[in-house]
Amino acid sequence: GKTLITVNNIGAMLKAAIVLKLDDAITRCVSYLMSHINEYSLQGVYTLERETQCKRLMQKIIEYETQNFVKISQSDEFLNFDVEKMQRILELDNLNIFREEKAFAALKRWFNYDVPARQEHLPLLIACL
């Protein structure tokens, strides 16, 4: 049968589909999430991916980050990214940026948001550029 996926039940639907190993349902849930994602809802999608460890969702998130890096880097959510997430994004080979300066400016904005906590990680992240 058909089940209606909504913004209110997507988390439970994806978790159930994974537990029950329903590949079609997993694909539909991931497609739904990606069709409703934006730089403001990204944190919720990250949380759901972390909770479910859904490889398909992670791949789609990486595609989204690659294509939308500049837009993501201008959001408030971006300022709360952890070091591991920043490193993973900055290491993407096909990051959709017009010039390297965009990535550097994004890293600088992120770093300046919490200098004391991020200072020791700056060399690692600069090396990713």
C-alpha atoms as a PDB file:
ATOM      1  CA  GLY A   1       0.000   0.000   0.000  1.00  0.00           C
ATOM      2  CA  LYS A   2       0.863   3.651  -0.208  1.00  0.00           C
ATOM      3  CA  THR A   3       1.849   5.638   2.854  1.00  0.00           C
ATOM      4  CA  LEU A   4       1.833   9.407   2.987  1.00  0.00           C
ATOM      5  CA  ILE A   5       5.219  10.835   3.899  1.00  0.00           C
ATOM      6  CA  THR A   6       5.079  14.221   5.601  1.00  0.00           C
ATOM      7  CA  VAL A   7       7.550  16.541   7.268  1.00  0.00           C
ATOM      8  CA  ASN A   8       6.074  15.401  10.601  1.00  0.00           C
ATOM      9  CA  ASN A   9       6.561  11.669  10.069  1.00  0.00           C
ATOM     10  CA  ILE A  10       9.641  11.462   7.832  1.00  0.00           C
ATOM     11  CA  GLY A  11      12.014  10.586  10.679  1.00  0.00           C
ATOM     12  CA  ALA A  12       9.855   7.738  11.949  1.00  0.00           C
ATOM     13  CA  MET A  13       9.162   6.542   8.398  1.00  0.00           C
ATOM     14  CA  LEU A  14      12.852   6.376   7.475  1.00  0.00           C
ATOM     15  CA  LYS A  15      13.781   4.636  10.722  1.00  0.00           C
ATOM     16  CA  ALA A  16      11.005   2.057  10.240  1.00  0.00           C
ATOM     17  CA  ALA A  17      11.964   1.482   6.601  1.00  0.00           C
ATOM     18  CA  ILE A  18      15.576   0.849   7.636  1.00  0.00           C
ATOM     19  CA  VAL A  19      14.639  -1.541  10.447  1.00  0.00           C
ATOM     20  CA  LEU A  20      12.286  -3.450   8.124  1.00  0.00           C
ATOM     21  CA  LYS A  21      14.829  -3.313   5.257  1.00  0.00           C
ATOM     22  CA  LEU A  22      12.275  -1.848   2.847  1.00  0.00           C
ATOM     23  CA  ASP A  23      14.532  -0.518   0.079  1.00  0.00           C
ATOM     24  CA  ASP A  24      11.751   1.184  -1.892  1.00  0.00           C
ATOM     25  CA  ALA A  25      10.508   2.947   1.236  1.00  0.00           C
ATOM     26  CA  ILE A  26      14.046   4.031   2.153  1.00  0.00           C
ATOM     27  CA  THR A  27      14.506   5.457  -1.339  1.00  0.00           C
ATOM     28  CA  ARG A  28      11.173   7.294  -1.137  1.00  0.00           C
ATOM     29  CA  CYS A  29      12.030   8.727   2.288  1.00  0.00           C
ATOM     30  CA  VAL A  30      15.460   9.922   1.142  1.00  0.00           C
ATOM     31  CA  SER A  31      13.929  11.438  -2.001  1.00  0.00           C
ATOM     32  CA  TYR A  32      11.319  13.217   0.119  1.00  0.00           C
ATOM     33  CA  LEU A  33      13.979  14.608   2.454  1.00  0.00           C
ATOM     34  CA  MET A  34      16.134  15.831  -0.402  1.00  0.00           C
ATOM     35  CA  SER A  35      13.214  17.483  -2.174  1.00  0.00           C
ATOM     36  CA  HIS A  36      12.446  19.441   1.011  1.00  0.00           C
ATOM     37  CA  ILE A  37      15.995  20.260   2.090  1.00  0.00           C
ATOM     38  CA  ASN A  38      17.413  23.756   2.264  1.00  0.00           C
ATOM     39  CA  GLU A  39      20.163  25.462   4.216  1.00  0.00           C
ATOM     40  CA  TYR A  40      17.744  25.956   7.143  1.00  0.00           C
ATOM     41  CA  SER A  41      16.557  22.342   7.414  1.00  0.00           C
ATOM     42  CA  LEU A  42      19.994  20.859   6.825  1.00  0.00           C
ATOM     43  CA  GLN A  43      20.792  20.415  10.521  1.00  0.00           C
ATOM     44  CA  GLY A  44      17.695  18.251  11.005  1.00  0.00           C
ATOM     45  CA  VAL A  45      18.686  16.099   8.039  1.00  0.00           C
ATOM     46  CA  TYR A  46      22.211  15.730   9.466  1.00  0.00           C
ATOM     47  CA  THR A  47      20.714  14.618  12.773  1.00  0.00           C
ATOM     48  CA  LEU A  48      18.479  12.062  11.065  1.00  0.00           C
ATOM     49  CA  GLU A  49      21.422  10.708   9.059  1.00  0.00           C
ATOM     50  CA  ARG A  50      23.516  10.403  12.224  1.00  0.00           C
ATOM     51  CA  GLU A  51      20.669   8.584  14.022  1.00  0.00           C
ATOM     52  CA  THR A  52      19.952   6.175  11.166  1.00  0.00           C
ATOM     53  CA  GLN A  53      23.428   5.791   9.618  1.00  0.00           C
ATOM     54  CA  CYS A  54      21.597   5.649   6.283  1.00  0.00           C
ATOM     55  CA  LYS A  55      24.265   5.482   3.557  1.00  0.00           C
ATOM     56  CA  ARG A  56      21.864   6.610   0.822  1.00  0.00           C
ATOM     57  CA  LEU A  57      20.923   9.681   2.827  1.00  0.00           C
ATOM     58  CA  MET A  58      24.588  10.471   3.500  1.00  0.00           C
ATOM     59  CA  GLN A  59      25.373  10.260  -0.224  1.00  0.00           C
ATOM     60  CA  LYS A  60      22.498  12.625  -1.063  1.00  0.00           C
ATOM     61  CA  ILE A  61      23.606  15.046   1.660  1.00  0.00           C
ATOM     62  CA  ILE A  62      27.119  15.099   0.189  1.00  0.00           C
ATOM     63  CA  GLU A  63      25.658  15.816  -3.268  1.00  0.00           C
ATOM     64  CA  TYR A  64      23.601  18.654  -1.772  1.00  0.00           C
ATOM     65  CA  GLU A  65      26.621  20.109   0.059  1.00  0.00           C
ATOM     66  CA  THR A  66      28.721  19.906  -3.096  1.00  0.00           C
ATOM     67  CA  GLN A  67      26.168  21.779  -5.183  1.00  0.00           C
ATOM     68  CA  ASN A  68      25.076  24.309  -2.546  1.00  0.00           C
ATOM     69  CA  PHE A  69      28.197  25.075  -0.523  1.00  0.00           C
ATOM     70  CA  VAL A  70      28.076  28.860  -0.877  1.00  0.00           C
ATOM     71  CA  LYS A  71      24.404  29.033   0.124  1.00  0.00           C
ATOM     72  CA  ILE A  72      24.995  26.671   3.073  1.00  0.00           C
ATOM     73  CA  SER A  73      28.046  28.641   4.217  1.00  0.00           C
ATOM     74  CA  GLN A  74      25.957  31.817   4.457  1.00  0.00           C
ATOM     75  CA  SER A  75      23.368  30.250   6.777  1.00  0.00           C
ATOM     76  CA  ASP A  76      23.364  30.485  10.564  1.00  0.00           C
ATOM     77  CA  GLU A  77      23.285  26.660  10.766  1.00  0.00           C
ATOM     78  CA  PHE A  78      26.734  26.602   9.159  1.00  0.00           C
ATOM     79  CA  LEU A  79      28.252  28.387  12.150  1.00  0.00           C
ATOM     80  CA  ASN A  80      27.363  25.410  14.360  1.00  0.00           C
ATOM     81  CA  PHE A  81      28.964  22.747  12.151  1.00  0.00           C
ATOM     82  CA  ASP A  82      31.497  20.642  14.026  1.00  0.00           C
ATOM     83  CA  VAL A  83      35.107  20.288  12.897  1.00  0.00           C
ATOM     84  CA  GLU A  84      34.549  16.849  11.350  1.00  0.00           C
ATOM     85  CA  LYS A  85      31.695  18.125   9.189  1.00  0.00           C
ATOM     86  CA  MET A  86      33.737  21.129   8.076  1.00  0.00           C
ATOM     87  CA  GLN A  87      36.659  18.900   7.173  1.00  0.00           C
ATOM     88  CA  ARG A  88      34.459  16.476   5.227  1.00  0.00           C
ATOM     89  CA  ILE A  89      32.885  19.307   3.225  1.00  0.00           C
ATOM     90  CA  LEU A  90      36.121  21.174   2.542  1.00  0.00           C
ATOM     91  CA  GLU A  91      37.769  17.961   1.334  1.00  0.00           C
ATOM     92  CA  LEU A  92      35.112  17.375  -1.343  1.00  0.00           C
ATOM     93  CA  ASP A  93      36.837  17.342  -4.736  1.00  0.00           C
ATOM     94  CA  ASN A  94      33.961  18.790  -6.711  1.00  0.00           C
ATOM     95  CA  LEU A  95      32.834  21.507  -4.307  1.00  0.00           C
ATOM     96  CA  ASN A  96      30.725  23.927  -6.358  1.00  0.00           C
ATOM     97  CA  ILE A  97      32.569  27.181  -5.764  1.00  0.00           C
ATOM     98  CA  PHE A  98      33.501  29.741  -8.373  1.00  0.00           C
ATOM     99  CA  ARG A  99      36.786  30.616  -6.671  1.00  0.00           C
ATOM    100  CA  GLU A 100      38.815  29.178  -3.783  1.00  0.00           C
ATOM    101  CA  GLU A 101      38.325  32.482  -1.958  1.00  0.00           C
ATOM    102  CA  LYS A 102      34.677  31.511  -1.362  1.00  0.00           C
ATOM    103  CA  ALA A 103      35.764  28.424   0.573  1.00  0.00           C
ATOM    104  CA  PHE A 104      38.345  30.438   2.506  1.00  0.00           C
ATOM    105  CA  ALA A 105      35.778  33.143   3.344  1.00  0.00           C
ATOM    106  CA  ALA A 106      33.348  30.464   4.554  1.00  0.00           C
ATOM    107  CA  LEU A 107      36.033  28.872   6.714  1.00  0.00           C
ATOM    108  CA  LYS A 108      36.965  32.289   8.147  1.00  0.00           C
ATOM    109  CA  ARG A 109      33.303  33.035   8.983  1.00  0.00           C
ATOM    110  CA  TRP A 110      32.930  29.650  10.704  1.00  0.00           C
ATOM    111  CA  PHE A 111      36.227  30.068  12.602  1.00  0.00           C
ATOM    112  CA  ASN A 112      35.433  33.600  13.808  1.00  0.00           C
ATOM    113  CA  TYR A 113      32.148  32.413  15.293  1.00  0.00           C
ATOM    114  CA  ASP A 114      34.010  30.573  18.098  1.00  0.00           C
ATOM    115  CA  VAL A 115      37.743  31.288  17.890  1.00  0.00           C
ATOM    116  CA  PRO A 116      38.799  29.744  21.257  1.00  0.00           C
ATOM    117  CA  ALA A 117      37.128  26.399  20.553  1.00  0.00           C
ATOM    118  CA  ARG A 118      38.216  26.240  16.914  1.00  0.00           C
ATOM    119  CA  GLN A 119      41.732  27.659  17.017  1.00  0.00           C
ATOM    120  CA  GLU A 120      43.541  24.327  17.313  1.00  0.00           C
ATOM    121  CA  HIS A 121      41.618  22.927  14.306  1.00  0.00           C
ATOM    122  CA  LEU A 122      42.316  25.788  11.908  1.00  0.00           C
ATOM    123  CA  PRO A 123      45.557  24.381  10.407  1.00  0.00           C
ATOM    124  CA  LEU A 124      43.822  21.074   9.632  1.00  0.00           C
ATOM    125  CA  LEU A 125      40.931  22.837   7.901  1.00  0.00           C
ATOM    126  CA  ILE A 126      43.136  25.257   5.962  1.00  0.00           C
ATOM    127  CA  ALA A 127      45.059  22.237   4.659  1.00  0.00           C
ATOM    128  CA  CYS A 128      41.778  20.971   3.155  1.00  0.00           C
ATOM    129  CA  LEU A 129      41.524  23.993   0.857  1.00  0.00           C
END
